[in-house]
């Protein structure tokens, strides 16, 4: 699938979803946390924002800055659709606190008053949608954002 069409499909999928599963790991102990997410109203990036409470996921990311995110269509929708987003590194997993320069911008994106916001800048987005076969494309598509 051409990148411009894939980007449109990814954006449309993300705009219809509100919940992700944030997967972290520390000392070979994985943690998967469902949470609401928000995106910038821009077509320039796929940055994701989540409001966090202090806890194991925060410690995991601080000590092992590699995450995987799962987002999927509910099974009762009749569609087999899902997305896996991966990223790594402190430059792509940014904790924003009240005194940080970018915090106010992030606070306007994330609903509710938060003390800690995680900005996630994806490295790679893998998209699975069986409906893409009807358009003549593979059901599995991958967008490497490091190459863009």
N, C-alpha and C. Protein backbone atom coordinates (compact mmCIF):
# COMPACT_ATOMS: atom_id res chain seq x y z
N UNK A 1 0.85 -1.17 0.00
CA UNK A 1 0.00 0.00 0.00
C UNK A 1 0.90 1.24 0.00
N UNK A 2 0.62 2.21 -0.84
CA UNK A 2 1.42 3.43 -0.85
C UNK A 2 1.37 4.14 0.51
N UNK A 3 2.48 4.76 0.89
CA UNK A 3 2.58 5.41 2.20
C UNK A 3 1.49 6.43 2.45
N UNK A 4 1.13 7.22 1.44
CA UNK A 4 0.11 8.26 1.65
C UNK A 4 -1.24 7.64 2.02
N UNK A 5 -1.61 6.52 1.39
CA UNK A 5 -2.86 5.83 1.74
C UNK A 5 -2.77 5.16 3.10
N UNK A 6 -1.61 4.56 3.38
CA UNK A 6 -1.42 3.92 4.68
C UNK A 6 -1.52 4.94 5.80
N UNK A 7 -0.94 6.10 5.62
CA UNK A 7 -1.02 7.15 6.63
C UNK A 7 -2.46 7.57 6.88
N UNK A 8 -3.27 7.66 5.82
CA UNK A 8 -4.69 8.00 5.97
C UNK A 8 -5.43 6.91 6.73
N UNK A 9 -5.15 5.65 6.41
CA UNK A 9 -5.79 4.51 7.11
C UNK A 9 -5.42 4.52 8.59
N UNK A 10 -4.15 4.74 8.88
CA UNK A 10 -3.69 4.76 10.28
C UNK A 10 -4.36 5.89 11.03
N UNK A 11 -4.37 7.07 10.45
CA UNK A 11 -4.98 8.23 11.11
C UNK A 11 -6.47 7.99 11.35
N UNK A 12 -7.18 7.46 10.37
CA UNK A 12 -8.62 7.18 10.52
C UNK A 12 -8.85 6.16 11.64
N UNK A 13 -8.03 5.12 11.67
CA UNK A 13 -8.16 4.11 12.72
C UNK A 13 -7.94 4.73 14.10
N UNK A 14 -6.88 5.49 14.26
CA UNK A 14 -6.57 6.10 15.56
C UNK A 14 -7.64 7.10 15.99
N UNK A 15 -8.19 7.85 15.04
CA UNK A 15 -9.21 8.83 15.39
C UNK A 15 -10.50 8.20 15.90
N UNK A 16 -10.72 6.92 15.59
CA UNK A 16 -11.93 6.23 16.04
C UNK A 16 -11.73 5.50 17.37
N UNK A 17 -10.51 5.49 17.88
CA UNK A 17 -10.21 4.74 19.09
C UNK A 17 -9.89 5.68 20.24
N UNK A 18 -10.15 5.20 21.45
CA UNK A 18 -9.89 6.01 22.63
C UNK A 18 -9.08 5.26 23.69
N UNK A 19 -8.90 3.95 23.51
CA UNK A 19 -8.22 3.13 24.52
C UNK A 19 -7.07 2.37 23.88
N UNK A 20 -5.96 2.33 24.59
CA UNK A 20 -4.82 1.54 24.16
C UNK A 20 -4.38 0.65 25.32
N UNK A 21 -3.50 -0.29 25.01
CA UNK A 21 -2.86 -1.10 26.04
C UNK A 21 -1.38 -0.77 25.95
N UNK A 22 -0.86 -0.16 27.01
CA UNK A 22 0.54 0.23 27.09
C UNK A 22 1.32 -0.92 27.71
N UNK A 23 2.28 -1.46 26.97
CA UNK A 23 3.06 -2.60 27.44
C UNK A 23 4.49 -2.16 27.74
N UNK A 24 4.90 -2.42 28.97
CA UNK A 24 6.25 -2.11 29.42
C UNK A 24 6.86 -3.38 30.00
N UNK A 25 8.15 -3.32 30.30
CA UNK A 25 8.80 -4.50 30.87
C UNK A 25 10.01 -4.07 31.69
N UNK A 26 10.22 -4.74 32.80
CA UNK A 26 11.40 -4.52 33.62
C UNK A 26 11.78 -5.82 34.28
N UNK A 27 13.05 -6.17 34.19
CA UNK A 27 13.56 -7.43 34.77
C UNK A 27 12.77 -8.64 34.28
N UNK A 28 12.45 -8.63 32.99
CA UNK A 28 11.70 -9.72 32.35
C UNK A 28 10.30 -9.93 32.93
N UNK A 29 9.76 -8.90 33.55
CA UNK A 29 8.38 -8.95 34.05
C UNK A 29 7.57 -7.94 33.25
N UNK A 30 6.74 -8.42 32.33
CA UNK A 30 5.95 -7.49 31.51
C UNK A 30 4.76 -6.92 32.27
N UNK A 31 4.31 -5.75 31.82
CA UNK A 31 3.12 -5.13 32.39
C UNK A 31 2.32 -4.54 31.24
N UNK A 32 1.05 -4.86 31.17
CA UNK A 32 0.14 -4.34 30.15
C UNK A 32 -0.96 -3.54 30.85
N UNK A 33 -1.06 -2.27 30.51
CA UNK A 33 -1.98 -1.37 31.19
C UNK A 33 -2.93 -0.72 30.20
N UNK A 34 -4.23 -1.03 30.27
CA UNK A 34 -5.21 -0.34 29.42
C UNK A 34 -5.37 1.10 29.90
N UNK A 35 -5.43 2.03 28.98
CA UNK A 35 -5.62 3.44 29.35
C UNK A 35 -6.14 4.25 28.17
N UNK A 36 -6.75 5.38 28.49
CA UNK A 36 -7.24 6.25 27.43
C UNK A 36 -6.06 7.00 26.84
N UNK A 37 -6.20 7.41 25.57
CA UNK A 37 -5.13 8.13 24.91
C UNK A 37 -5.68 9.27 24.08
N UNK A 38 -4.79 10.20 23.76
CA UNK A 38 -5.15 11.39 23.02
C UNK A 38 -4.05 11.68 22.00
N UNK A 39 -4.44 12.34 20.92
CA UNK A 39 -3.47 12.69 19.87
C UNK A 39 -3.58 14.17 19.55
N UNK A 40 -2.51 14.69 18.98
CA UNK A 40 -2.52 16.07 18.52
C UNK A 40 -3.48 16.17 17.33
N UNK A 41 -4.08 17.33 17.14
CA UNK A 41 -4.95 17.56 15.99
C UNK A 41 -4.12 17.97 14.78
N UNK A 42 -3.14 17.17 14.48
CA UNK A 42 -2.21 17.47 13.39
C UNK A 42 -2.04 16.23 12.55
N UNK A 43 -1.88 16.42 11.27
CA UNK A 43 -1.60 15.29 10.39
C UNK A 43 -0.10 15.16 10.15
N UNK A 44 0.69 15.89 10.91
CA UNK A 44 2.13 15.89 10.74
C UNK A 44 2.83 14.78 11.53
N UNK A 45 2.15 14.24 12.53
CA UNK A 45 2.79 13.22 13.36
C UNK A 45 1.75 12.26 13.92
N UNK A 46 2.23 11.27 14.64
CA UNK A 46 1.36 10.28 15.28
C UNK A 46 1.63 10.26 16.78
N UNK A 47 2.01 11.39 17.35
CA UNK A 47 2.32 11.46 18.77
C UNK A 47 1.08 11.14 19.59
N UNK A 48 1.30 10.35 20.63
CA UNK A 48 0.23 9.91 21.52
C UNK A 48 0.52 10.45 22.91
N UNK A 49 -0.53 10.87 23.60
CA UNK A 49 -0.40 11.38 24.96
C UNK A 49 -1.28 10.55 25.89
N UNK A 50 -0.72 10.19 27.03
CA UNK A 50 -1.49 9.50 28.06
C UNK A 50 -1.20 10.16 29.40
N UNK A 51 -2.25 10.29 30.20
CA UNK A 51 -2.08 10.79 31.56
C UNK A 51 -1.72 9.63 32.45
N UNK A 52 -0.71 9.83 33.28
CA UNK A 52 -0.22 8.73 34.11
C UNK A 52 -0.36 9.04 35.59
N UNK A 53 -0.56 8.00 36.36
CA UNK A 53 -0.42 8.06 37.81
C UNK A 53 0.90 7.35 38.13
N UNK A 54 1.61 7.82 39.14
CA UNK A 54 2.85 7.13 39.50
C UNK A 54 2.58 5.65 39.76
N UNK A 55 3.51 4.81 39.34
CA UNK A 55 3.33 3.37 39.53
C UNK A 55 4.36 2.58 38.76
N UNK A 56 4.09 1.30 38.65
CA UNK A 56 5.05 0.39 38.03
C UNK A 56 5.35 0.72 36.57
N UNK A 57 4.33 1.13 35.82
CA UNK A 57 4.58 1.43 34.40
C UNK A 57 5.55 2.59 34.25
N UNK A 58 5.45 3.59 35.13
CA UNK A 58 6.36 4.73 35.09
C UNK A 58 7.78 4.27 35.41
N UNK A 59 7.93 3.50 36.46
CA UNK A 59 9.25 2.96 36.83
C UNK A 59 9.82 2.11 35.70
N UNK A 60 8.97 1.27 35.11
CA UNK A 60 9.43 0.43 34.00
C UNK A 60 9.99 1.27 32.86
N UNK A 61 9.26 2.30 32.46
CA UNK A 61 9.69 3.15 31.34
C UNK A 61 10.97 3.91 31.70
N UNK A 62 11.05 4.41 32.93
CA UNK A 62 12.25 5.14 33.34
C UNK A 62 13.48 4.24 33.29
N UNK A 63 13.33 2.97 33.65
CA UNK A 63 14.47 2.07 33.71
C UNK A 63 14.67 1.26 32.42
N UNK A 64 13.62 1.13 31.62
CA UNK A 64 13.69 0.38 30.36
C UNK A 64 12.81 1.11 29.33
N UNK A 65 13.35 2.15 28.67
CA UNK A 65 12.53 2.98 27.79
C UNK A 65 12.23 2.32 26.43
N UNK A 66 11.52 1.21 26.51
CA UNK A 66 11.02 0.52 25.32
C UNK A 66 9.57 0.17 25.60
N UNK A 67 8.65 0.59 24.72
CA UNK A 67 7.25 0.25 24.92
C UNK A 67 6.64 -0.29 23.64
N UNK A 68 5.59 -1.04 23.84
CA UNK A 68 4.74 -1.50 22.75
C UNK A 68 3.32 -1.11 23.13
N UNK A 69 2.57 -0.68 22.14
CA UNK A 69 1.19 -0.26 22.37
C UNK A 69 0.29 -1.08 21.47
N UNK A 70 -0.77 -1.62 22.05
CA UNK A 70 -1.77 -2.34 21.28
C UNK A 70 -3.07 -1.55 21.25
N UNK A 71 -3.64 -1.43 20.07
CA UNK A 71 -4.94 -0.78 19.88
C UNK A 71 -5.72 -1.66 18.91
N UNK A 72 -6.98 -1.92 19.20
CA UNK A 72 -7.72 -2.82 18.34
C UNK A 72 -9.20 -2.45 18.30
N UNK A 73 -9.86 -2.94 17.27
CA UNK A 73 -11.31 -2.77 17.17
C UNK A 73 -11.97 -3.82 18.04
N UNK A 74 -13.04 -3.46 18.72
CA UNK A 74 -13.75 -4.45 19.52
C UNK A 74 -14.20 -5.62 18.64
N UNK A 75 -14.14 -6.82 19.16
CA UNK A 75 -14.50 -8.00 18.38
C UNK A 75 -15.95 -7.96 17.93
N UNK A 76 -16.82 -7.32 18.70
CA UNK A 76 -18.23 -7.26 18.29
C UNK A 76 -18.48 -6.30 17.13
N UNK A 77 -17.43 -5.62 16.66
CA UNK A 77 -17.57 -4.73 15.50
C UNK A 77 -17.65 -5.53 14.20
N UNK A 78 -17.27 -6.81 14.27
CA UNK A 78 -17.28 -7.64 13.07
C UNK A 78 -16.05 -7.45 12.20
N UNK A 79 -15.11 -6.66 12.66
CA UNK A 79 -13.90 -6.40 11.89
C UNK A 79 -12.69 -6.96 12.63
N UNK A 80 -11.73 -7.40 11.87
CA UNK A 80 -10.46 -7.80 12.44
C UNK A 80 -9.47 -6.70 12.11
N UNK A 81 -9.28 -5.82 13.08
CA UNK A 81 -8.41 -4.67 12.91
C UNK A 81 -7.60 -4.48 14.19
N UNK A 82 -6.35 -4.16 14.01
CA UNK A 82 -5.52 -3.89 15.17
C UNK A 82 -4.27 -3.15 14.77
N UNK A 83 -3.64 -2.59 15.77
CA UNK A 83 -2.43 -1.82 15.52
C UNK A 83 -1.45 -2.06 16.65
N UNK A 84 -0.20 -2.18 16.28
CA UNK A 84 0.87 -2.24 17.27
C UNK A 84 1.81 -1.09 16.97
N UNK A 85 2.08 -0.32 18.00
CA UNK A 85 2.99 0.81 17.89
C UNK A 85 4.16 0.51 18.79
N UNK A 86 5.37 0.68 18.27
CA UNK A 86 6.55 0.46 19.10
C UNK A 86 7.41 1.71 19.08
N UNK A 87 8.10 1.90 20.18
CA UNK A 87 9.05 3.00 20.27
C UNK A 87 10.03 2.72 21.39
N UNK A 88 11.14 3.41 21.32
CA UNK A 88 12.14 3.23 22.38
C UNK A 88 12.98 4.49 22.51
N UNK A 89 13.55 4.65 23.68
CA UNK A 89 14.47 5.75 23.94
C UNK A 89 13.82 6.92 24.65
N UNK A 90 14.61 7.59 25.47
CA UNK A 90 14.10 8.71 26.25
C UNK A 90 13.69 9.89 25.38
N UNK A 91 14.20 9.96 24.15
CA UNK A 91 13.78 11.04 23.24
C UNK A 91 12.40 10.79 22.66
N UNK A 92 11.91 9.56 22.74
CA UNK A 92 10.60 9.20 22.19
C UNK A 92 9.57 8.89 23.26
N UNK A 93 10.00 8.77 24.49
CA UNK A 93 9.12 8.53 25.64
C UNK A 93 9.39 9.65 26.64
N UNK A 94 8.61 10.71 26.54
CA UNK A 94 8.91 11.94 27.26
C UNK A 94 7.90 12.15 28.37
N UNK A 95 8.38 12.18 29.60
CA UNK A 95 7.53 12.48 30.75
C UNK A 95 7.42 13.99 30.88
N UNK A 96 6.20 14.49 30.92
CA UNK A 96 5.94 15.92 31.05
C UNK A 96 5.29 16.18 32.40
N UNK A 97 5.89 17.11 33.14
CA UNK A 97 5.38 17.49 34.46
C UNK A 97 5.02 18.98 34.43
N UNK A 98 4.30 19.42 35.44
CA UNK A 98 3.74 20.77 35.46
C UNK A 98 4.73 21.89 35.15
N UNK A 99 5.94 21.77 35.51
CA UNK A 99 6.90 22.86 35.28
C UNK A 99 7.61 22.75 33.93
N UNK A 100 7.38 21.68 33.20
CA UNK A 100 8.05 21.48 31.92
C UNK A 100 7.45 22.38 30.85
N UNK A 101 8.29 22.79 29.92
CA UNK A 101 7.91 23.73 28.86
C UNK A 101 6.71 23.23 28.04
N UNK A 102 6.69 21.96 27.70
CA UNK A 102 5.66 21.41 26.82
C UNK A 102 4.41 20.92 27.57
N UNK A 103 4.42 21.02 28.89
CA UNK A 103 3.32 20.46 29.69
C UNK A 103 1.98 21.12 29.38
N UNK A 104 1.94 22.45 29.29
CA UNK A 104 0.66 23.15 29.06
C UNK A 104 0.04 22.75 27.74
N UNK A 105 0.86 22.60 26.70
CA UNK A 105 0.36 22.15 25.40
C UNK A 105 -0.23 20.75 25.53
N UNK A 106 0.48 19.87 26.22
CA UNK A 106 0.00 18.49 26.41
C UNK A 106 -1.26 18.46 27.26
N UNK A 107 -1.34 19.32 28.26
CA UNK A 107 -2.51 19.36 29.14
C UNK A 107 -3.76 19.74 28.36
N UNK A 108 -3.62 20.54 27.31
CA UNK A 108 -4.76 20.92 26.47
C UNK A 108 -5.21 19.77 25.58
N UNK A 109 -4.31 18.83 25.31
CA UNK A 109 -4.63 17.67 24.48
C UNK A 109 -5.29 16.57 25.31
N UNK A 110 -4.77 16.37 26.51
CA UNK A 110 -5.25 15.30 27.40
C UNK A 110 -6.40 15.83 28.25
N UNK A 111 -7.49 15.11 28.28
CA UNK A 111 -8.65 15.55 29.06
C UNK A 111 -8.38 15.37 30.55
N UNK A 112 -8.88 16.30 31.34
CA UNK A 112 -8.73 16.22 32.79
C UNK A 112 -7.40 16.77 33.23
N UNK A 113 -7.37 17.25 34.45
CA UNK A 113 -6.14 17.80 35.02
C UNK A 113 -5.21 16.67 35.40
N UNK A 114 -4.02 16.69 34.85
CA UNK A 114 -3.03 15.64 35.11
C UNK A 114 -1.77 16.27 35.69
N UNK A 115 -1.08 15.50 36.49
CA UNK A 115 0.20 15.96 37.02
C UNK A 115 1.37 15.39 36.23
N UNK A 116 1.12 14.27 35.56
CA UNK A 116 2.16 13.62 34.78
C UNK A 116 1.55 13.13 33.46
N UNK A 117 2.17 13.51 32.36
CA UNK A 117 1.71 13.12 31.03
C UNK A 117 2.89 12.48 30.30
N UNK A 118 2.62 11.37 29.64
CA UNK A 118 3.64 10.72 28.83
C UNK A 118 3.36 11.03 27.36
N UNK A 119 4.34 11.62 26.71
CA UNK A 119 4.27 11.86 25.27
C UNK A 119 5.04 10.71 24.60
N UNK A 120 4.36 10.01 23.71
CA UNK A 120 4.94 8.86 23.02
C UNK A 120 5.10 9.23 21.55
N UNK A 121 6.33 9.17 21.07
CA UNK A 121 6.62 9.44 19.67
C UNK A 121 6.95 8.09 19.02
N UNK A 122 6.05 7.55 18.22
CA UNK A 122 6.25 6.20 17.66
C UNK A 122 7.45 6.10 16.71
N UNK A 123 8.12 4.95 16.77
CA UNK A 123 9.15 4.61 15.79
C UNK A 123 8.54 3.82 14.64
N UNK A 124 7.57 2.95 14.98
CA UNK A 124 7.00 2.06 13.98
C UNK A 124 5.53 1.80 14.30
N UNK A 125 4.72 1.77 13.24
CA UNK A 125 3.30 1.44 13.38
C UNK A 125 3.01 0.27 12.46
N UNK A 126 2.50 -0.81 13.05
CA UNK A 126 2.10 -1.97 12.27
C UNK A 126 0.58 -2.06 12.34
N UNK A 127 -0.04 -2.19 11.18
CA UNK A 127 -1.50 -2.13 11.07
C UNK A 127 -2.02 -3.40 10.42
N UNK A 128 -3.00 -3.99 11.05
CA UNK A 128 -3.64 -5.19 10.52
C UNK A 128 -5.11 -4.89 10.28
N UNK A 129 -5.56 -5.08 9.04
CA UNK A 129 -6.95 -4.85 8.70
C UNK A 129 -7.32 -5.77 7.54
N UNK A 130 -8.15 -6.74 7.82
CA UNK A 130 -8.53 -7.70 6.79
C UNK A 130 -9.32 -7.05 5.65
N UNK A 131 -9.93 -5.89 5.88
CA UNK A 131 -10.66 -5.19 4.82
C UNK A 131 -9.73 -4.64 3.74
N UNK A 132 -8.44 -4.50 4.05
CA UNK A 132 -7.49 -3.99 3.05
C UNK A 132 -7.36 -4.96 1.87
N UNK A 133 -7.61 -6.24 2.11
CA UNK A 133 -7.52 -7.25 1.04
C UNK A 133 -8.54 -6.93 -0.05
N UNK A 134 -9.71 -6.42 0.33
CA UNK A 134 -10.75 -6.06 -0.64
C UNK A 134 -10.29 -4.93 -1.56
N UNK A 135 -9.30 -4.15 -1.10
CA UNK A 135 -8.76 -3.04 -1.90
C UNK A 135 -7.52 -3.48 -2.68
N UNK A 136 -7.17 -4.76 -2.56
CA UNK A 136 -6.02 -5.29 -3.30
C UNK A 136 -4.69 -5.18 -2.58
N UNK A 137 -4.73 -4.90 -1.27
CA UNK A 137 -3.50 -4.76 -0.49
C UNK A 137 -3.39 -5.90 0.52
N UNK A 138 -2.20 -6.08 1.04
CA UNK A 138 -1.99 -7.05 2.10
C UNK A 138 -2.73 -6.59 3.35
N UNK A 139 -3.23 -7.54 4.13
CA UNK A 139 -3.94 -7.19 5.38
C UNK A 139 -2.98 -6.62 6.42
N UNK A 140 -1.69 -6.85 6.26
CA UNK A 140 -0.68 -6.36 7.19
C UNK A 140 0.14 -5.26 6.52
N UNK A 141 0.18 -4.11 7.17
CA UNK A 141 0.93 -2.96 6.66
C UNK A 141 1.85 -2.43 7.77
N UNK A 142 2.96 -1.88 7.38
CA UNK A 142 3.92 -1.37 8.35
C UNK A 142 4.43 -0.01 7.90
N UNK A 143 4.48 0.92 8.84
CA UNK A 143 4.99 2.25 8.59
C UNK A 143 6.15 2.52 9.54
N UNK A 144 7.35 2.65 8.99
CA UNK A 144 8.54 2.91 9.78
C UNK A 144 8.72 4.42 9.82
N UNK A 145 8.48 5.00 10.98
CA UNK A 145 8.51 6.47 11.10
C UNK A 145 9.93 7.01 11.22
N UNK A 146 10.89 6.17 11.47
CA UNK A 146 12.28 6.62 11.53
C UNK A 146 12.79 6.98 10.14
N UNK A 147 12.17 6.41 9.11
CA UNK A 147 12.60 6.67 7.74
C UNK A 147 11.97 7.93 7.16
N UNK A 148 10.95 8.47 7.85
CA UNK A 148 10.25 9.64 7.30
C UNK A 148 10.90 10.94 7.69
